[in-house]
Amino acid sequence: MTTVEIDQVQAAVMPHGDLAPYAGQWVAVRDGQVIAHDVDPVRLREHPDVQPDDALVPVAYPDRGVFVL
């Protein structure tokens, strides 16, 4: 897979719109739309609206970065 193809896949997964309401949380994304959100990614994955192939994306606070272990 080329870097261009990777960029295209990542762009398709990233949510569209304002994510400020979800700062400090994880969002489940399908087709660029936020499906569900939670501060705990494990609970988010277990949410009934989240499908196994939905992307889970951390949303940073505007003045801070994201730190994922």
PDB file of N, CA and C in Angstrom:
ATOM      1  N   MET A   1       0.863  -1.176   0.000  1.00  0.00           N
ATOM      2  CA  MET A   1       0.000   0.000   0.000  1.00  0.00           C
ATOM      3  C   MET A   1       0.904   1.233   0.000  1.00  0.00           C
ATOM      4  N   THR A   2       0.602   2.170  -0.883  1.00  0.00           N
ATOM      5  CA  THR A   2       1.401   3.394  -0.964  1.00  0.00           C
ATOM      6  C   THR A   2       0.953   4.398   0.087  1.00  0.00           C
ATOM      7  N   THR A   3       1.776   5.416   0.318  1.00  0.00           N
ATOM      8  CA  THR A   3       1.398   6.454   1.283  1.00  0.00           C
ATOM      9  C   THR A   3       0.169   7.213   0.813  1.00  0.00           C
ATOM     10  N   VAL A   4      -0.006   7.363  -0.479  1.00  0.00           N
ATOM     11  CA  VAL A   4      -1.196   8.037  -1.016  1.00  0.00           C
ATOM     12  C   VAL A   4      -2.443   7.215  -0.700  1.00  0.00           C
ATOM     13  N   GLU A   5      -2.354   5.900  -0.873  1.00  0.00           N
ATOM     14  CA  GLU A   5      -3.486   5.033  -0.563  1.00  0.00           C
ATOM     15  C   GLU A   5      -3.804   5.052   0.935  1.00  0.00           C
ATOM     16  N   ILE A   6      -2.776   5.069   1.761  1.00  0.00           N
ATOM     17  CA  ILE A   6      -2.985   5.157   3.211  1.00  0.00           C
ATOM     18  C   ILE A   6      -3.679   6.465   3.567  1.00  0.00           C
ATOM     19  N   ASP A   7      -3.239   7.566   2.970  1.00  0.00           N
ATOM     20  CA  ASP A   7      -3.876   8.865   3.214  1.00  0.00           C
ATOM     21  C   ASP A   7      -5.345   8.850   2.798  1.00  0.00           C
ATOM     22  N   GLN A   8      -5.654   8.198   1.690  1.00  0.00           N
ATOM     23  CA  GLN A   8      -7.035   8.127   1.218  1.00  0.00           C
ATOM     24  C   GLN A   8      -7.905   7.324   2.178  1.00  0.00           C
ATOM     25  N   VAL A   9      -7.393   6.220   2.679  1.00  0.00           N
ATOM     26  CA  VAL A   9      -8.144   5.393   3.627  1.00  0.00           C
ATOM     27  C   VAL A   9      -8.376   6.162   4.921  1.00  0.00           C
ATOM     28  N   GLN A  10      -7.325   6.822   5.416  1.00  0.00           N
ATOM     29  CA  GLN A  10      -7.464   7.595   6.651  1.00  0.00           C
ATOM     30  C   GLN A  10      -8.447   8.740   6.475  1.00  0.00           C
ATOM     31  N   ALA A  11      -8.426   9.425   5.337  1.00  0.00           N
ATOM     32  CA  ALA A  11      -9.350  10.531   5.092  1.00  0.00           C
ATOM     33  C   ALA A  11     -10.794  10.042   5.067  1.00  0.00           C
ATOM     34  N   ALA A  12     -11.017   8.849   4.553  1.00  0.00           N
ATOM     35  CA  ALA A  12     -12.377   8.306   4.494  1.00  0.00           C
ATOM     36  C   ALA A  12     -12.905   7.971   5.882  1.00  0.00           C
ATOM     37  N   VAL A  13     -12.014   7.649   6.801  1.00  0.00           N
ATOM     38  CA  VAL A  13     -12.417   7.254   8.152  1.00  0.00           C
ATOM     39  C   VAL A  13     -12.639   8.455   9.058  1.00  0.00           C
ATOM     40  N   MET A  14     -11.911   9.520   8.847  1.00  0.00           N
ATOM     41  CA  MET A  14     -11.970  10.666   9.758  1.00  0.00           C
ATOM     42  C   MET A  14     -13.354  11.311   9.749  1.00  0.00           C
ATOM     43  N   PRO A  15     -13.810  11.680  10.944  1.00  0.00           N
ATOM     44  CA  PRO A  15     -15.148  12.283  11.048  1.00  0.00           C
ATOM     45  C   PRO A  15     -15.191  13.677  10.442  1.00  0.00           C
ATOM     46  N   HIS A  16     -16.361  14.031   9.930  1.00  0.00           N
ATOM     47  CA  HIS A  16     -16.592  15.351   9.348  1.00  0.00           C
ATOM     48  C   HIS A  16     -17.304  16.226  10.376  1.00  0.00           C
ATOM     49  N   GLY A  17     -17.094  17.526  10.284  1.00  0.00           N
ATOM     50  CA  GLY A  17     -17.817  18.444  11.157  1.00  0.00           C
ATOM     51  C   GLY A  17     -17.063  18.803  12.418  1.00  0.00           C
ATOM     52  N   ASP A  18     -17.725  19.535  13.277  1.00  0.00           N
ATOM     53  CA  ASP A  18     -17.157  20.035  14.520  1.00  0.00           C
ATOM     54  C   ASP A  18     -17.125  18.938  15.573  1.00  0.00           C
ATOM     55  N   LEU A  19     -15.935  18.613  16.048  1.00  0.00           N
ATOM     56  CA  LEU A  19     -15.794  17.586  17.068  1.00  0.00           C
ATOM     57  C   LEU A  19     -15.622  18.170  18.467  1.00  0.00           C
ATOM     58  N   ALA A  20     -15.709  19.494  18.600  1.00  0.00           N
ATOM     59  CA  ALA A  20     -15.520  20.150  19.899  1.00  0.00           C
ATOM     60  C   ALA A  20     -16.412  19.568  21.002  1.00  0.00           C
ATOM     61  N   PRO A  21     -17.657  19.214  20.727  1.00  0.00           N
ATOM     62  CA  PRO A  21     -18.491  18.646  21.799  1.00  0.00           C
ATOM     63  C   PRO A  21     -17.961  17.316  22.340  1.00  0.00           C
ATOM     64  N   TYR A  22     -17.075  16.664  21.596  1.00  0.00           N
ATOM     65  CA  TYR A  22     -16.560  15.359  21.994  1.00  0.00           C
ATOM     66  C   TYR A  22     -15.127  15.430  22.541  1.00  0.00           C
ATOM     67  N   ALA A  23     -14.613  16.623  22.790  1.00  0.00           N
ATOM     68  CA  ALA A  23     -13.234  16.788  23.269  1.00  0.00           C
ATOM     69  C   ALA A  23     -13.006  15.959  24.527  1.00  0.00           C
ATOM     70  N   GLY A  24     -11.890  15.239  24.544  1.00  0.00           N
ATOM     71  CA  GLY A  24     -11.554  14.396  25.678  1.00  0.00           C
ATOM     72  C   GLY A  24     -12.226  13.037  25.657  1.00  0.00           C
ATOM     73  N   GLN A  25     -12.933  12.736  24.567  1.00  0.00           N
ATOM     74  CA  GLN A  25     -13.649  11.470  24.457  1.00  0.00           C
ATOM     75  C   GLN A  25     -13.183  10.719  23.208  1.00  0.00           C
ATOM     76  N   TRP A  26     -13.678   9.529  23.069  1.00  0.00           N
ATOM     77  CA  TRP A  26     -13.495   8.740  21.864  1.00  0.00           C
ATOM     78  C   TRP A  26     -14.803   8.779  21.093  1.00  0.00           C
ATOM     79  N   VAL A  27     -14.711   8.790  19.761  1.00  0.00           N
ATOM     80  CA  VAL A  27     -15.903   8.729  18.919  1.00  0.00           C
ATOM     81  C   VAL A  27     -15.813   7.514  18.010  1.00  0.00           C
ATOM     82  N   ALA A  28     -16.954   6.893  17.767  1.00  0.00           N
ATOM     83  CA  ALA A  28     -17.060   5.822  16.777  1.00  0.00           C
ATOM     84  C   ALA A  28     -17.523   6.486  15.487  1.00  0.00           C
ATOM     85  N   VAL A  29     -16.808   6.206  14.400  1.00  0.00           N
ATOM     86  CA  VAL A  29     -17.076   6.874  13.132  1.00  0.00           C
ATOM     87  C   VAL A  29     -17.390   5.842  12.054  1.00  0.00           C
ATOM     88  N   ARG A  30     -18.448   6.130  11.310  1.00  0.00           N
ATOM     89  CA  ARG A  30     -18.828   5.318  10.147  1.00  0.00           C
ATOM     90  C   ARG A  30     -19.187   6.271   9.017  1.00  0.00           C
ATOM     91  N   ASP A  31     -18.531   6.102   7.886  1.00  0.00           N
ATOM     92  CA  ASP A  31     -18.785   6.950   6.708  1.00  0.00           C
ATOM     93  C   ASP A  31     -18.665   8.431   7.039  1.00  0.00           C
ATOM     94  N   GLY A  32     -17.688   8.776   7.888  1.00  0.00           N
ATOM     95  CA  GLY A  32     -17.446  10.175   8.226  1.00  0.00           C
ATOM     96  C   GLY A  32     -18.399  10.760   9.248  1.00  0.00           C
ATOM     97  N   GLN A  33     -19.310   9.958   9.781  1.00  0.00           N
ATOM     98  CA  GLN A  33     -20.300  10.428  10.748  1.00  0.00           C
ATOM     99  C   GLN A  33     -20.030   9.828  12.128  1.00  0.00           C
ATOM    100  N   VAL A  34     -20.180  10.644  13.163  1.00  0.00           N
ATOM    101  CA  VAL A  34     -20.041  10.149  14.530  1.00  0.00           C
ATOM    102  C   VAL A  34     -21.278   9.321  14.864  1.00  0.00           C
ATOM    103  N   ILE A  35     -21.058   8.078  15.265  1.00  0.00           N
ATOM    104  CA  ILE A  35     -22.141   7.149  15.585  1.00  0.00           C
ATOM    105  C   ILE A  35     -22.431   7.162  17.078  1.00  0.00           C
ATOM    106  N   ALA A  36     -21.360   7.212  17.889  1.00  0.00           N
ATOM    107  CA  ALA A  36     -21.493   7.192  19.347  1.00  0.00           C
ATOM    108  C   ALA A  36     -20.212   7.769  19.934  1.00  0.00           C
ATOM    109  N   HIS A  37     -20.241   8.084  21.229  1.00  0.00           N
ATOM    110  CA  HIS A  37     -19.056   8.627  21.895  1.00  0.00           C
ATOM    111  C   HIS A  37     -19.027   8.184  23.343  1.00  0.00           C
ATOM    112  N   ASP A  38     -17.821   8.132  23.907  1.00  0.00           N
ATOM    113  CA  ASP A  38     -17.642   7.744  25.306  1.00  0.00           C
ATOM    114  C   ASP A  38     -16.211   8.100  25.704  1.00  0.00           C
ATOM    115  N   VAL A  39     -15.981   8.297  26.985  1.00  0.00           N
ATOM    116  CA  VAL A  39     -14.619   8.555  27.462  1.00  0.00           C
ATOM    117  C   VAL A  39     -13.802   7.258  27.502  1.00  0.00           C
ATOM    118  N   ASP A  40     -14.479   6.124  27.505  1.00  0.00           N
ATOM    119  CA  ASP A  40     -13.818   4.828  27.590  1.00  0.00           C
ATOM    120  C   ASP A  40     -13.945   4.096  26.242  1.00  0.00           C
ATOM    121  N   PRO A  41     -12.830   3.847  25.549  1.00  0.00           N
ATOM    122  CA  PRO A  41     -12.927   3.196  24.238  1.00  0.00           C
ATOM    123  C   PRO A  41     -13.480   1.764  24.305  1.00  0.00           C
ATOM    124  N   VAL A  42     -13.277   1.079  25.419  1.00  0.00           N
ATOM    125  CA  VAL A  42     -13.821  -0.276  25.553  1.00  0.00           C
ATOM    126  C   VAL A  42     -15.341  -0.219  25.641  1.00  0.00           C
ATOM    127  N   ARG A  43     -15.855   0.694  26.470  1.00  0.00           N
ATOM    128  CA  ARG A  43     -17.319   0.860  26.555  1.00  0.00           C
ATOM    129  C   ARG A  43     -17.893   1.314  25.218  1.00  0.00           C
ATOM    130  N   LEU A  44     -17.146   2.175  24.527  1.00  0.00           N
ATOM    131  CA  LEU A  44     -17.613   2.654  23.226  1.00  0.00           C
ATOM    132  C   LEU A  44     -17.732   1.495  22.244  1.00  0.00           C
ATOM    133  N   ARG A  45     -16.744   0.621  22.218  1.00  0.00           N
ATOM    134  CA  ARG A  45     -16.783  -0.527  21.306  1.00  0.00           C
ATOM    135  C   ARG A  45     -17.977  -1.420  21.626  1.00  0.00           C
ATOM    136  N   GLU A  46     -18.384  -1.466  22.893  1.00  0.00           N
ATOM    137  CA  GLU A  46     -19.516  -2.297  23.310  1.00  0.00           C
ATOM    138  C   GLU A  46     -20.872  -1.614  23.109  1.00  0.00           C
ATOM    139  N   HIS A  47     -20.885  -0.348  22.737  1.00  0.00           N
ATOM    140  CA  HIS A  47     -22.128   0.400  22.525  1.00  0.00           C
ATOM    141  C   HIS A  47     -22.954  -0.294  21.439  1.00  0.00           C
ATOM    142  N   PRO A  48     -24.258  -0.434  21.627  1.00  0.00           N
ATOM    143  CA  PRO A  48     -25.089  -1.175  20.666  1.00  0.00           C
ATOM    144  C   PRO A  48     -25.125  -0.578  19.257  1.00  0.00           C
ATOM    145  N   ASP A  49     -24.870   0.718  19.113  1.00  0.00           N
ATOM    146  CA  ASP A  49     -24.899   1.332  17.779  1.00  0.00           C
ATOM    147  C   ASP A  49     -23.579   1.176  17.029  1.00  0.00           C
ATOM    148  N   VAL A  50     -22.530   0.740  17.719  1.00  0.00           N
ATOM    149  CA  VAL A  50     -21.200   0.633  17.116  1.00  0.00           C
ATOM    150  C   VAL A  50     -21.034  -0.748  16.488  1.00  0.00           C
ATOM    151  N   GLN A  51     -20.649  -0.740  15.207  1.00  0.00           N
ATOM    152  CA  GLN A  51     -20.412  -1.985  14.485  1.00  0.00           C
ATOM    153  C   GLN A  51     -18.930  -2.336  14.555  1.00  0.00           C
ATOM    154  N   PRO A  52     -18.584  -3.604  14.386  1.00  0.00           N
ATOM    155  CA  PRO A  52     -17.192  -4.030  14.507  1.00  0.00           C
ATOM    156  C   PRO A  52     -16.213  -3.307  13.573  1.00  0.00           C
ATOM    157  N   ASP A  53     -16.671  -2.878  12.401  1.00  0.00           N
ATOM    158  CA  ASP A  53     -15.758  -2.217  11.469  1.00  0.00           C
ATOM    159  C   ASP A  53     -15.781  -0.694  11.570  1.00  0.00           C
ATOM    160  N   ASP A  54     -16.501  -0.121  12.545  1.00  0.00           N
ATOM    161  CA  ASP A  54     -16.464   1.322  12.774  1.00  0.00           C
ATOM    162  C   ASP A  54     -15.096   1.706  13.346  1.00  0.00           C
ATOM    163  N   ALA A  55     -14.615   2.869  12.983  1.00  0.00           N
ATOM    164  CA  ALA A  55     -13.337   3.366  13.501  1.00  0.00           C
ATOM    165  C   ALA A  55     -13.566   4.055  14.841  1.00  0.00           C
ATOM    166  N   LEU A  56     -12.665   3.825  15.786  1.00  0.00           N
ATOM    167  CA  LEU A  56     -12.682   4.548  17.056  1.00  0.00           C
ATOM    168  C   LEU A  56     -11.552   5.562  17.020  1.00  0.00           C
ATOM    169  N   VAL A  57     -11.907   6.832  17.244  1.00  0.00           N
ATOM    170  CA  VAL A  57     -10.958   7.920  17.103  1.00  0.00           C
ATOM    171  C   VAL A  57     -10.963   8.778  18.363  1.00  0.00           C
ATOM    172  N   PRO A  58      -9.778   9.042  18.956  1.00  0.00           N
ATOM    173  CA  PRO A  58      -9.742   9.939  20.114  1.00  0.00           C
ATOM    174  C   PRO A  58      -9.864  11.391  19.645  1.00  0.00           C
ATOM    175  N   VAL A  59     -10.590  12.196  20.406  1.00  0.00           N
ATOM    176  CA  VAL A  59     -10.754  13.618  20.077  1.00  0.00           C
ATOM    177  C   VAL A  59     -10.018  14.432  21.135  1.00  0.00           C
ATOM    178  N   ALA A  60      -9.039  15.181  20.683  1.00  0.00           N
ATOM    179  CA  ALA A  60      -8.219  15.976  21.601  1.00  0.00           C
ATOM    180  C   ALA A  60      -8.938  17.255  22.012  1.00  0.00           C
ATOM    181  N   TYR A  61      -8.539  17.783  23.174  1.00  0.00           N
ATOM    182  CA  TYR A  61      -8.959  19.133  23.540  1.00  0.00           C
ATOM    183  C   TYR A  61      -8.216  20.088  22.614  1.00  0.00           C
ATOM    184  N   PRO A  62      -8.826  21.217  22.238  1.00  0.00           N
ATOM    185  CA  PRO A  62      -8.183  22.124  21.283  1.00  0.00           C
ATOM    186  C   PRO A  62      -6.799  22.626  21.747  1.00  0.00           C
ATOM    187  N   ASP A  63      -6.615  22.770  23.039  1.00  0.00           N
ATOM    188  CA  ASP A  63      -5.347  23.317  23.535  1.00  0.00           C
ATOM    189  C   ASP A  63      -4.380  22.239  24.013  1.00  0.00           C
ATOM    190  N   ARG A  64      -4.707  20.964  23.791  1.00  0.00           N
ATOM    191  CA  ARG A  64      -3.854  19.847  24.202  1.00  0.00           C
ATOM    192  C   ARG A  64      -3.782  18.816  23.080  1.00  0.00           C
ATOM    193  N   GLY A  65      -2.852  17.913  23.198  1.00  0.00           N
ATOM    194  CA  GLY A  65      -2.734  16.826  22.248  1.00  0.00           C
ATOM    195  C   GLY A  65      -3.442  15.591  22.747  1.00  0.00           C
ATOM    196  N   VAL A  66      -3.286  14.512  22.043  1.00  0.00           N
ATOM    197  CA  VAL A  66      -3.849  13.215  22.427  1.00  0.00           C
ATOM    198  C   VAL A  66      -2.696  12.316  22.815  1.00  0.00           C
ATOM    199  N   PHE A  67      -2.817  11.666  23.935  1.00  0.00           N
ATOM    200  CA  PHE A  67      -1.810  10.714  24.386  1.00  0.00           C
ATOM    201  C   PHE A  67      -2.482   9.363  24.533  1.00  0.00           C
ATOM    202  N   VAL A  68      -2.064   8.401  23.721  1.00  0.00           N
ATOM    203  CA  VAL A  68      -2.665   7.086  23.739  1.00  0.00           C
ATOM    204  C   VAL A  68      -1.585   6.084  24.129  1.00  0.00           C
ATOM    205  N   LEU A  69      -1.884   5.284  25.136  1.00  0.00           N
ATOM    206  CA  LEU A  69      -0.939   4.235  25.546  1.00  0.00           C
ATOM    207  C   LEU A  69      -1.196   2.969  24.778  1.00  0.00           C
TER     208      LEU A  69
END
